[in-house]
C-alpha atoms as a PDB file:
ATOM      1  CA  MET A   1     -32.670   2.825 -19.168  1.00  0.00           C
ATOM      2  CA  PRO A   2     -31.026  -0.308 -17.700  1.00  0.00           C
ATOM      3  CA  GLU A   3     -33.098  -3.484 -17.963  1.00  0.00           C
ATOM      4  CA  ASN A   4     -33.326  -3.769 -14.179  1.00  0.00           C
ATOM      5  CA  GLY A   5     -33.994  -0.075 -13.621  1.00  0.00           C
ATOM      6  CA  LEU A   6     -31.794   2.448 -11.838  1.00  0.00           C
ATOM      7  CA  GLY A   7     -32.135   1.097  -8.332  1.00  0.00           C
ATOM      8  CA  ARG A   8     -33.034   2.998  -5.186  1.00  0.00           C
ATOM      9  CA  GLN A   9     -30.134   5.447  -5.293  1.00  0.00           C
ATOM     10  CA  GLY A  10     -30.437   6.039  -9.023  1.00  0.00           C
ATOM     11  CA  ASN A  11     -34.124   6.795  -8.590  1.00  0.00           C
ATOM     12  CA  ALA A  12     -33.214   9.218  -5.802  1.00  0.00           C
ATOM     13  CA  VAL A  13     -30.988  11.072  -8.264  1.00  0.00           C
ATOM     14  CA  ILE A  14     -33.754  11.270 -10.865  1.00  0.00           C
ATOM     15  CA  ASN A  15     -36.301  12.432  -8.289  1.00  0.00           C
ATOM     16  CA  THR A  16     -33.920  15.157  -7.150  1.00  0.00           C
ATOM     17  CA  ILE A  17     -33.484  16.377 -10.720  1.00  0.00           C
ATOM     18  CA  LEU A  18     -37.248  16.405 -11.239  1.00  0.00           C
ATOM     19  CA  ASN A  19     -37.846  18.264  -7.977  1.00  0.00           C
ATOM     20  CA  GLU A  20     -34.915  20.686  -8.323  1.00  0.00           C
ATOM     21  CA  PRO A  21     -34.487  21.146 -12.092  1.00  0.00           C
ATOM     22  CA  GLU A  22     -32.929  24.601 -11.851  1.00  0.00           C
ATOM     23  CA  LYS A  23     -30.249  23.525  -9.390  1.00  0.00           C
ATOM     24  CA  ALA A  24     -29.606  20.337 -11.351  1.00  0.00           C
ATOM     25  CA  SER A  25     -29.157  22.441 -14.494  1.00  0.00           C
ATOM     26  CA  TYR A  26     -26.326  24.549 -13.098  1.00  0.00           C
ATOM     27  CA  GLU A  27     -24.847  23.115  -9.911  1.00  0.00           C
ATOM     28  CA  GLY A  28     -21.821  20.870  -9.668  1.00  0.00           C
ATOM     29  CA  ILE A  29     -21.979  17.160  -9.067  1.00  0.00           C
ATOM     30  CA  ALA A  30     -21.264  17.473  -5.335  1.00  0.00           C
ATOM     31  CA  VAL A  31     -24.283  19.729  -4.772  1.00  0.00           C
ATOM     32  CA  VAL A  32     -26.633  17.387  -6.617  1.00  0.00           C
ATOM     33  CA  ALA A  33     -25.228  14.405  -4.724  1.00  0.00           C
ATOM     34  CA  GLU A  34     -25.913  16.168  -1.434  1.00  0.00           C
ATOM     35  CA  LEU A  35     -29.468  17.019  -2.491  1.00  0.00           C
ATOM     36  CA  ALA A  36     -30.097  13.398  -3.470  1.00  0.00           C
ATOM     37  CA  ASP A  37     -28.353  12.072  -0.354  1.00  0.00           C
ATOM     38  CA  VAL A  38     -26.040   9.878  -2.422  1.00  0.00           C
ATOM     39  CA  ASN A  39     -22.328   9.939  -3.159  1.00  0.00           C
ATOM     40  CA  VAL A  40     -20.747  11.539  -6.209  1.00  0.00           C
ATOM     41  CA  SER A  41     -20.017   8.214  -7.897  1.00  0.00           C
ATOM     42  CA  THR A  42     -23.737   7.385  -7.822  1.00  0.00           C
ATOM     43  CA  ILE A  43     -24.457  10.524  -9.839  1.00  0.00           C
ATOM     44  CA  THR A  44     -21.862   9.485 -12.404  1.00  0.00           C
ATOM     45  CA  ARG A  45     -23.164   5.904 -12.607  1.00  0.00           C
ATOM     46  CA  THR A  46     -26.737   7.130 -13.012  1.00  0.00           C
ATOM     47  CA  ALA A  47     -25.717   9.410 -15.863  1.00  0.00           C
ATOM     48  CA  GLN A  48     -23.813   6.600 -17.553  1.00  0.00           C
ATOM     49  CA  SER A  49     -26.734   4.211 -17.085  1.00  0.00           C
ATOM     50  CA  LEU A  50     -28.855   6.639 -19.084  1.00  0.00           C
ATOM     51  CA  GLY A  51     -26.341   6.745 -21.921  1.00  0.00           C
ATOM     52  CA  PHE A  52     -24.360   9.863 -20.999  1.00  0.00           C
ATOM     53  CA  GLY A  53     -20.607  10.070 -20.603  1.00  0.00           C
ATOM     54  CA  GLY A  54     -20.915  11.467 -17.094  1.00  0.00           C
ATOM     55  CA  TRP A  55     -22.500  14.235 -15.057  1.00  0.00           C
ATOM     56  CA  PRO A  56     -21.382  17.203 -17.232  1.00  0.00           C
ATOM     57  CA  GLU A  57     -22.994  15.694 -20.329  1.00  0.00           C
ATOM     58  CA  PHE A  58     -26.113  14.680 -18.384  1.00  0.00           C
ATOM     59  CA  ARG A  59     -26.373  18.158 -16.854  1.00  0.00           C
ATOM     60  CA  LEU A  60     -26.332  19.757 -20.305  1.00  0.00           C
ATOM     61  CA  GLU A  61     -29.335  17.656 -21.274  1.00  0.00           C
ATOM     62  CA  VAL A  62     -31.116  18.542 -18.029  1.00  0.00           C
ATOM     63  CA  ARG A  63     -30.391  22.232 -18.630  1.00  0.00           C
ATOM     64  CA  LYS A  64     -31.656  22.067 -22.214  1.00  0.00           C
ATOM     65  CA  ARG A  65     -34.935  20.530 -21.085  1.00  0.00           C
ATOM     66  CA  PHE A  66     -35.255  22.966 -18.189  1.00  0.00           C
ATOM     67  CA  LEU A  67     -34.829  25.994 -20.465  1.00  0.00           C
ATOM     68  CA  ALA A  68     -37.188  24.527 -23.052  1.00  0.00           C
ATOM     69  CA  HIS A  69     -39.773  24.090 -20.312  1.00  0.00           C
ATOM     70  CA  LEU A  70     -39.337  27.712 -19.252  1.00  0.00           C
ATOM     71  CA  GLY A  71     -39.632  28.881 -22.823  1.00  0.00           C
ATOM     72  CA  THR A  72     -42.941  27.106 -23.391  1.00  0.00           C
ATOM     73  CA  ASN A  73     -44.406  27.361 -19.909  1.00  0.00           C
ATOM     74  CA  GLY A  74     -42.553  29.922 -17.806  1.00  0.00           C
ATOM     75  CA  ALA A  75     -42.591  32.917 -20.122  1.00  0.00           C
ATOM     76  CA  SER A  76     -46.075  32.553 -21.544  1.00  0.00           C
ATOM     77  CA  ARG A  77     -48.007  30.549 -18.971  1.00  0.00           C
ATOM     78  CA  LYS A  78     -51.343  32.155 -18.132  1.00  0.00           C
ATOM     79  CA  SER A  79     -52.305  32.145 -14.496  1.00  0.00           C
ATOM     80  CA  ASP A  80     -53.905  34.319 -11.887  1.00  0.00           C
ATOM     81  CA  ALA A  81     -52.850  37.925 -12.583  1.00  0.00           C
ATOM     82  CA  ALA A  82     -51.302  38.441  -9.150  1.00  0.00           C
ATOM     83  CA  GLU A  83     -49.185  35.279  -9.174  1.00  0.00           C
ATOM     84  CA  PRO A  84     -46.434  36.226 -11.673  1.00  0.00           C
ATOM     85  CA  VAL A  85     -46.204  39.730 -10.215  1.00  0.00           C
ATOM     86  CA  THR A  86     -45.770  38.451  -6.681  1.00  0.00           C
ATOM     87  CA  ARG A  87     -43.343  35.723  -7.701  1.00  0.00           C
ATOM     88  CA  ALA A  88     -41.177  38.174  -9.631  1.00  0.00           C
ATOM     89  CA  LEU A  89     -41.072  40.704  -6.798  1.00  0.00           C
ATOM     90  CA  VAL A  90     -40.357  38.093  -4.153  1.00  0.00           C
ATOM     91  CA  LYS A  91     -37.607  36.559  -6.275  1.00  0.00           C
ATOM     92  CA  ASP A  92     -35.956  39.951  -6.771  1.00  0.00           C
ATOM     93  CA  ARG A  93     -36.188  40.616  -3.042  1.00  0.00           C
ATOM     94  CA  ASP A  94     -34.592  37.268  -2.225  1.00  0.00           C
ATOM     95  CA  ASN A  95     -31.872  37.772  -4.832  1.00  0.00           C
ATOM     96  CA  LEU A  96     -31.053  41.202  -3.449  1.00  0.00           C
ATOM     97  CA  THR A  97     -30.887  39.824   0.093  1.00  0.00           C
ATOM     98  CA  GLU A  98     -28.455  37.175  -1.108  1.00  0.00           C
ATOM     99  CA  THR A  99     -26.411  39.854  -2.887  1.00  0.00           C
ATOM    100  CA  VAL A 100     -26.074  41.927   0.277  1.00  0.00           C
ATOM    101  CA  ARG A 101     -24.973  38.808   2.135  1.00  0.00           C
ATOM    102  CA  THR A 102     -22.376  37.595  -0.364  1.00  0.00           C
ATOM    103  CA  VAL A 103     -20.871  40.569  -2.220  1.00  0.00           C
ATOM    104  CA  ASP A 104     -17.551  41.773  -0.828  1.00  0.00           C
ATOM    105  CA  PRO A 105     -17.569  45.607  -0.663  1.00  0.00           C
ATOM    106  CA  ALA A 106     -13.774  45.598  -0.935  1.00  0.00           C
ATOM    107  CA  VAL A 107     -13.985  44.040  -4.405  1.00  0.00           C
ATOM    108  CA  VAL A 108     -16.483  46.678  -5.556  1.00  0.00           C
ATOM    109  CA  ALA A 109     -14.222  49.383  -4.121  1.00  0.00           C
ATOM    110  CA  HIS A 110     -11.236  47.904  -5.978  1.00  0.00           C
ATOM    111  CA  ILE A 111     -13.086  48.147  -9.299  1.00  0.00           C
ATOM    112  CA  ALA A 112     -14.176  51.711  -8.515  1.00  0.00           C
ATOM    113  CA  ARG A 113     -10.586  52.720  -7.775  1.00  0.00           C
ATOM    114  CA  ALA A 114      -9.437  51.238 -11.080  1.00  0.00           C
ATOM    115  CA  MET A 115     -12.129  53.222 -12.900  1.00  0.00           C
ATOM    116  CA  ALA A 116     -11.086  56.403 -11.106  1.00  0.00           C
ATOM    117  CA  ASP A 117      -7.456  55.896 -12.110  1.00  0.00           C
ATOM    118  CA  ALA A 118      -8.262  55.041 -15.733  1.00  0.00           C
ATOM    119  CA  ARG A 119      -8.065  57.421 -18.658  1.00  0.00           C
ATOM    120  CA  ARG A 120     -11.335  55.925 -19.855  1.00  0.00           C
ATOM    121  CA  THR A 121     -13.671  53.113 -18.794  1.00  0.00           C
ATOM    122  CA  TYR A 122     -15.840  51.039 -21.086  1.00  0.00           C
ATOM    123  CA  VAL A 123     -18.813  49.178 -19.601  1.00  0.00           C
ATOM    124  CA  VAL A 124     -19.600  46.319 -21.970  1.00  0.00           C
ATOM    125  CA  ALA A 125     -22.872  44.395 -21.983  1.00  0.00           C
ATOM    126  CA  GLU A 126     -25.283  42.689 -24.351  1.00  0.00           C
ATOM    127  CA  SER A 127     -29.015  42.147 -24.582  1.00  0.00           C
ATOM    128  CA  THR A 128     -31.010  42.998 -21.444  1.00  0.00           C
ATOM    129  CA  TYR A 129     -27.898  43.928 -19.508  1.00  0.00           C
ATOM    130  CA  GLY A 130     -27.156  46.700 -21.993  1.00  0.00           C
ATOM    131  CA  ALA A 131     -29.586  48.872 -20.038  1.00  0.00           C
ATOM    132  CA  ILE A 132     -27.416  48.433 -16.955  1.00  0.00           C
ATOM    133  CA  ALA A 133     -24.262  49.352 -18.875  1.00  0.00           C
ATOM    134  CA  ARG A 134     -25.909  52.548 -20.109  1.00  0.00           C
ATOM    135  CA  THR A 135     -27.089  53.389 -16.591  1.00  0.00           C
ATOM    136  CA  VAL A 136     -23.585  52.966 -15.167  1.00  0.00           C
ATOM    137  CA  ALA A 137     -22.038  55.104 -17.911  1.00  0.00           C
ATOM    138  CA  HIS A 138     -24.645  57.849 -17.472  1.00  0.00           C
ATOM    139  CA  THR A 139     -24.321  58.125 -13.696  1.00  0.00           C
ATOM    140  CA  ALA A 140     -20.525  57.780 -13.698  1.00  0.00           C
ATOM    141  CA  ARG A 141     -20.231  60.614 -16.219  1.00  0.00           C
ATOM    142  CA  LEU A 142     -22.460  62.740 -13.999  1.00  0.00           C
ATOM    143  CA  ALA A 143     -19.982  62.032 -11.202  1.00  0.00           C
ATOM    144  CA  GLY A 144     -17.170  63.390 -13.368  1.00  0.00           C
ATOM    145  CA  TYR A 145     -15.569  60.272 -14.852  1.00  0.00           C
ATOM    146  CA  ASN A 146     -14.942  59.312 -18.464  1.00  0.00           C
ATOM    147  CA  VAL A 147     -17.131  56.214 -18.728  1.00  0.00           C
ATOM    148  CA  GLU A 148     -18.793  54.935 -21.894  1.00  0.00           C
ATOM    149  CA  ALA A 149     -21.252  52.103 -22.494  1.00  0.00           C
ATOM    150  CA  ILE A 150     -20.807  49.577 -25.291  1.00  0.00           C
ATOM    151  CA  ALA A 151     -24.171  47.880 -25.482  1.00  0.00           C
ATOM    152  CA  THR A 152     -25.237  47.707 -29.117  1.00  0.00           C
ATOM    153  CA  GLY A 153     -23.993  44.271 -30.118  1.00  0.00           C
ATOM    154  CA  THR A 154     -20.898  42.202 -30.772  1.00  0.00           C
ATOM    155  CA  LEU A 155     -19.762  44.148 -33.850  1.00  0.00           C
ATOM    156  CA  GLU A 156     -19.727  47.415 -31.918  1.00  0.00           C
ATOM    157  CA  ILE A 157     -17.897  45.730 -29.032  1.00  0.00           C
ATOM    158  CA  ALA A 158     -15.196  44.497 -31.412  1.00  0.00           C
ATOM    159  CA  ASN A 159     -14.858  47.889 -33.107  1.00  0.00           C
ATOM    160  CA  ARG A 160     -14.543  49.819 -29.849  1.00  0.00           C
ATOM    161  CA  LEU A 161     -12.238  47.394 -28.056  1.00  0.00           C
ATOM    162  CA  ALA A 162      -9.855  47.475 -31.015  1.00  0.00           C
ATOM    163  CA  HIS A 163      -8.772  50.912 -29.760  1.00  0.00           C
ATOM    164  CA  VAL A 164      -8.338  50.380 -26.008  1.00  0.00           C
ATOM    165  CA  ASP A 165      -4.893  50.602 -24.453  1.00  0.00           C
ATOM    166  CA  ASP A 166      -3.089  50.353 -21.133  1.00  0.00           C
ATOM    167  CA  GLY A 167      -4.763  53.502 -19.830  1.00  0.00           C
ATOM    168  CA  ASP A 168      -8.225  52.001 -20.083  1.00  0.00           C
ATOM    169  CA  VAL A 169     -10.483  49.848 -17.927  1.00  0.00           C
ATOM    170  CA  VAL A 170     -13.117  47.489 -19.318  1.00  0.00           C
ATOM    171  CA  VAL A 171     -15.946  46.339 -17.052  1.00  0.00           C
ATOM    172  CA  LEU A 172     -17.928  43.415 -18.441  1.00  0.00           C
ATOM    173  CA  VAL A 173     -21.526  42.999 -17.281  1.00  0.00           C
ATOM    174  CA  ALA A 174     -22.582  39.515 -18.316  1.00  0.00           C
ATOM    175  CA  TYR A 175     -24.619  36.551 -17.208  1.00  0.00           C
ATOM    176  CA  TRP A 176     -24.166  32.973 -18.325  1.00  0.00           C
ATOM    177  CA  ARG A 177     -25.902  33.140 -21.715  1.00  0.00           C
ATOM    178  CA  TYR A 178     -23.450  35.760 -22.954  1.00  0.00           C
ATOM    179  CA  PHE A 179     -20.453  34.576 -20.988  1.00  0.00           C
ATOM    180  CA  ARG A 180     -18.397  33.449 -23.983  1.00  0.00           C
ATOM    181  CA  ASN A 181     -18.666  36.862 -25.614  1.00  0.00           C
ATOM    182  CA  ALA A 182     -17.701  38.488 -22.318  1.00  0.00           C
ATOM    183  CA  GLU A 183     -14.616  36.301 -22.097  1.00  0.00           C
ATOM    184  CA  ARG A 184     -13.633  37.052 -25.698  1.00  0.00           C
ATOM    185  CA  SER A 185     -14.096  40.773 -25.079  1.00  0.00           C
ATOM    186  CA  ALA A 186     -12.035  40.724 -21.903  1.00  0.00           C
ATOM    187  CA  ARG A 187      -9.200  38.743 -23.446  1.00  0.00           C
ATOM    188  CA  ALA A 188      -9.117  41.086 -26.441  1.00  0.00           C
ATOM    189  CA  ALA A 189      -8.971  44.121 -24.149  1.00  0.00           C
ATOM    190  CA  ARG A 190      -6.256  42.560 -21.983  1.00  0.00           C
ATOM    191  CA  ASP A 191      -4.195  41.833 -25.093  1.00  0.00           C
ATOM    192  CA  ARG A 192      -4.123  45.587 -25.671  1.00  0.00           C
ATOM    193  CA  GLY A 193      -3.114  46.335 -22.084  1.00  0.00           C
ATOM    194  CA  ALA A 194      -6.463  47.303 -20.555  1.00  0.00           C
ATOM    195  CA  ARG A 195      -7.484  46.201 -17.078  1.00  0.00           C
ATOM    196  CA  THR A 196     -10.616  44.043 -17.125  1.00  0.00           C
ATOM    197  CA  PHE A 197     -13.277  43.303 -14.518  1.00  0.00           C
ATOM    198  CA  LEU A 198     -16.484  41.286 -14.446  1.00  0.00           C
ATOM    199  CA  VAL A 199     -19.879  41.789 -12.870  1.00  0.00           C
ATOM    200  CA  GLY A 200     -21.443  38.404 -13.546  1.00  0.00           C
ATOM    201  CA  ASP A 201     -23.996  35.986 -12.231  1.00  0.00           C
ATOM    202  CA  ASP A 202     -23.422  33.159  -9.813  1.00  0.00           C
ATOM    203  CA  ARG A 203     -23.834  30.475 -12.501  1.00  0.00           C
ATOM    204  CA  SER A 204     -21.017  31.637 -14.760  1.00  0.00           C
ATOM    205  CA  PRO A 205     -17.686  29.767 -14.923  1.00  0.00           C
ATOM    206  CA  ASP A 206     -14.507  30.931 -13.240  1.00  0.00           C
ATOM    207  CA  ALA A 207     -13.180  34.143 -14.807  1.00  0.00           C
ATOM    208  CA  SER A 208      -9.924  34.586 -12.899  1.00  0.00           C
ATOM    209  CA  ALA A 209      -7.832  34.012 -16.037  1.00  0.00           C
ATOM    210  CA  TRP A 210      -9.160  37.175 -17.667  1.00  0.00           C
ATOM    211  CA  SER A 211     -10.825  39.272 -14.952  1.00  0.00           C
ATOM    212  CA  GLU A 212      -8.707  41.097 -12.383  1.00  0.00           C
ATOM    213  CA  ALA A 213     -11.632  41.074  -9.954  1.00  0.00           C
ATOM    214  CA  THR A 214     -15.131  39.649 -10.207  1.00  0.00           C
ATOM    215  CA  VAL A 215     -18.418  40.420  -8.487  1.00  0.00           C
ATOM    216  CA  ARG A 216     -21.001  37.647  -8.739  1.00  0.00           C
ATOM    217  CA  VAL A 217     -24.700  38.150  -8.113  1.00  0.00           C
ATOM    218  CA  PRO A 218     -27.753  35.894  -8.421  1.00  0.00           C
ATOM    219  CA  ALA A 219     -29.618  36.394 -11.696  1.00  0.00           C
ATOM    220  CA  GLY A 220     -32.233  33.651 -11.671  1.00  0.00           C
ATOM    221  CA  GLY A 221     -35.803  34.822 -12.160  1.00  0.00           C
ATOM    222  CA  PRO A 222     -39.091  33.020 -11.552  1.00  0.00           C
ATOM    223  CA  THR A 223     -39.542  32.493 -15.314  1.00  0.00           C
ATOM    224  CA  PHE A 224     -37.347  32.477 -18.404  1.00  0.00           C
ATOM    225  CA  PHE A 225     -36.240  36.079 -17.836  1.00  0.00           C
ATOM    226  CA  PRO A 226     -33.255  36.980 -15.636  1.00  0.00           C
ATOM    227  CA  SER A 227     -33.476  39.086 -12.508  1.00  0.00           C
ATOM    228  CA  LEU A 228     -31.818  42.463 -13.150  1.00  0.00           C
ATOM    229  CA  VAL A 229     -32.180  43.939  -9.672  1.00  0.00           C
ATOM    230  CA  PRO A 230     -29.011  42.492  -8.038  1.00  0.00           C
ATOM    231  CA  CYS A 231     -26.779  43.426 -10.969  1.00  0.00           C
ATOM    232  CA  LEU A 232     -28.206  46.942 -11.203  1.00  0.00           C
ATOM    233  CA  SER A 233     -27.866  47.418  -7.443  1.00  0.00           C
ATOM    234  CA  VAL A 234     -24.218  46.343  -7.454  1.00  0.00           C
ATOM    235  CA  CYS A 235     -23.473  48.631 -10.400  1.00  0.00           C
ATOM    236  CA  GLN A 236     -25.180  51.543  -8.646  1.00  0.00           C
ATOM    237  CA  ALA A 237     -23.092  50.774  -5.563  1.00  0.00           C
ATOM    238  CA  LEU A 238     -20.016  50.808  -7.798  1.00  0.00           C
ATOM    239  CA  VAL A 239     -20.858  54.323  -9.013  1.00  0.00           C
ATOM    240  CA  ALA A 240     -21.598  55.454  -5.447  1.00  0.00           C
ATOM    241  CA  GLU A 241     -18.141  54.257  -4.421  1.00  0.00           C
ATOM    242  CA  LEU A 242     -16.620  55.970  -7.452  1.00  0.00           C
ATOM    243  CA  ALA A 243     -18.247  59.293  -6.557  1.00  0.00           C
ATOM    244  CA  ALA A 244     -17.114  58.977  -2.935  1.00  0.00           C
ATOM    245  CA  LEU A 245     -13.449  58.641  -3.929  1.00  0.00           C
ATOM    246  CA  ASP A 246     -13.255  62.328  -4.854  1.00  0.00           C
ATOM    247  CA  PRO A 247     -16.345  64.122  -3.499  1.00  0.00           C
ATOM    248  CA  GLU A 248     -15.207  67.561  -4.687  1.00  0.00           C
ATOM    249  CA  ARG A 249     -14.713  66.346  -8.241  1.00  0.00           C
ATOM    250  CA  SER A 250     -18.109  64.662  -8.288  1.00  0.00           C
ATOM    251  CA  ALA A 251     -19.891  67.619  -6.707  1.00  0.00           C
ATOM    252  CA  LYS A 252     -18.430  69.983  -9.316  1.00  0.00           C
ATOM    253  CA  ALA A 253     -19.331  67.626 -12.169  1.00  0.00           C
ATOM    254  CA  ILE A 254     -22.916  67.307 -10.940  1.00  0.00           C
ATOM    255  CA  ALA A 255     -23.204  71.085 -10.517  1.00  0.00           C
ATOM    256  CA  ASP A 256     -21.896  71.627 -14.054  1.00  0.00           C
ATOM    257  CA  ALA A 257     -24.399  69.120 -15.432  1.00  0.00           C
ATOM    258  CA  ASP A 258     -27.203  70.770 -13.483  1.00  0.00           C
ATOM    259  CA  GLU A 259     -26.306  74.139 -14.981  1.00  0.00           C
ATOM    260  CA  TYR A 260     -26.583  72.721 -18.492  1.00  0.00           C
ATOM    261  CA  TRP A 261     -29.839  70.936 -17.689  1.00  0.00           C
ATOM    262  CA  ARG A 262     -31.256  74.335 -16.789  1.00  0.00           C
ATOM    263  CA  ARG A 263     -29.715  75.963 -19.859  1.00  0.00           C
ATOM    264  CA  PHE A 264     -31.344  73.356 -22.095  1.00  0.00           C
ATOM    265  CA  GLY A 265     -34.654  73.631 -20.271  1.00  0.00           C
ATOM    266  CA  LEU A 266     -34.502  70.046 -19.042  1.00  0.00           C
ATOM    267  CA  VAL A 267     -35.636  70.881 -15.506  1.00  0.00           C
ATOM    268  CA  HIS A 268     -39.284  71.077 -16.515  1.00  0.00           C
ATOM    269  CA  TRP A 269     -40.675  72.382 -13.240  1.00  0.00           C
ATOM    270  CA  GLU A 270     -38.670  75.599 -13.644  1.00  0.00           C
ATOM    271  CA  ASN A 271     -40.003  76.399 -17.134  1.00  0.00           C
END
């Protein structure tokens, strides 16, 4: 801390970070400057006054402290039973509203068309988002398309992507914590000729160098855990678009699956 303090504008920057820690952890310098009602150079000077090289380095420290706070307070904090439930539901609702407002249906349709034209599609995801990859693969196969999920870890991703070729499509489902692995996976697939696409969150870096088209959705939750609803909704919309490209094909595939469900006794109410 400088001997004479940070001054009025520097204090405004610090107060903004304290009041908006999530935005300060991920937004660019221009956004934080606007929130603090100062210019960009003031943000840089404040960071340097505190011993950082500039805003990017300062932001990393802010993010580290923000996530540590969530880990010790957000995920395990005890409060009134209704509060976390309501906050989670409201956050998902708001995220989904933002998704409807910002997602370009033409981009989703472009990815669906690529999947329809592909010999095979891999949907690649890690951790929590693996459930979404498996859901997409399951429903897309029901619609009559050769879609597989790779969601069991980095080793399996590497093993499977080693065999893709120019007839394949790889759809990465990733949010910022696993973004580096998503980029590595996409670049590896592209090296073998596959087309690659990303369904990511709105905090992740630019992916245009390795993703033919990208859909970004909000993933921030009220605690440490991400919101899955926007990503799942977009992926379900992707499968809906895929099925609509060739309704006869999808109808036949669903009818065939239904026949085998009955043959295996899976339709329990008919037993």
